[in-house]
Amino acid sequence: MSSIMAKKQSFTSLQKEGLSNLKTTSITSANIIKSNRSKSPSIKKFVSEILAGNISYLSRAITLIESTNKKHQKKANTILEQCLPFANNSVRIGITGVPGVGKSTLIESLGSYLIEEKNKKVAVLAIDPSSKKSGGSILGDKTRMNKLSVNENAFIRPSPSSGTLGGVAKATRETVILCETAGFDVVLIETVGVGQSEIEVKSMVDFFLLLMLAGAGDELQGIKRGIMEIADGIFINKADGENKTKAKLAIQEYKNAIHLFPANKNNWIPKVDSCSAIENKGINTIWEVVGSFVNLTTTNGSFDENRKQQAKFWLEHTIQESVTSLFYADKNVALKLKELESSVLEGKSSPFKAAKELIAIFKSQS
């Protein structure tokens, strides 16, 4: 009985004058948070704050882009349109390589070098493999870039790939535009690193950096070939300690391999070298190679031409995605789809015939 009375006295003591009732405080706080969330900033406010380099508003705008809510998408598209005139002023670098090659470590070293030595503002778009259950990121690259994540001149945005072909998130290209508007000089895009589907990242960057490991063996040839053909720079990472000798041999092997590939239209010969992200060696060389690439392609006009072709690609890509979404959103198509799926699974109809029938239904609605 005495212990119960003690607990009761302890609780009532919190309700004395000058102290808030816990339940009341909780409800009040919840109402404030709810009120703030409902007061979404105007488009004008978003654009002005992004232009001012406000990271909070930049993050919120990216969240709108990634949202599947139609109202959010509409607002995000308007924000993008108003930000577009202030974009296209950064160097976009795609960084890929097999899992375990050290992409995150190298990005942190390169980003820190650009900020500290070259006085640049760096944005990192780290694309993580997605969870099949939640759709969220698995690795969380931001947690592995401790030094860079606390630097005021860096912005790191991990995003789930959501199963997108190419190892890049659907909203990655739009996010690049926002980052450029916010004043970032260099945008680093780290991809999942899972094979030839990685090639899609080439359609949104200026320079494509492929990281490799020395002595990886011929078992990776199936992964390397497709990406190597479009790489602008190949660097052997982890060239430290006992790996130095292996790295030298690997450099020569990759240089020989490059001569077997078709020449690039921009007259650039891919550079091959080594680096050690953990020892910060060769990081400056990577940036020098990027600089040489930008200078050459800017001079011969291929830099701007590449950007134009990328814009055309994303126009076509967006049309395809939009049409696909409209197709599956059609109620008549959705109803007939279940019936035809069963027919195909039972072997009563071919997939091709079923597809044509669905397309005919979709066309009849327009």
Foldseek 3Di string as FASTA:
>chain_A
DVVVVVVVVVQVVQVDPPHDNPVVVVVVVVVVVVVVVVCDDALVVLLVCLLQLNLVSLVVLLVLCQDPDPVSVVSSVVSLVVLQVQAPQAAEEEEAEAPPLCPLLLCLLLCVCCCPPVVFQEEEEEEAEADPVPRFHDPPSLVVNVVQNPDPSYHYHYGYCSPPQQQHNPCVLSSNSSNSSSPGHYYYYYGHHDALSVVVVLLRGLAYEYEAAFPPDPVCVRRCPNSLLPHQEYEHEPCDDPNVVSRVVVQVVSLVVQVVHDQDPLRRRRYYYYAYSVVSGCSVVVVVSSVVSCVSCVVVVNSVVSNVVSVVVVVVVVVVVVVVVLLCVDPVLVVVVVVVVVCCVVVNDPPVVSVVVSVVVSVVVD
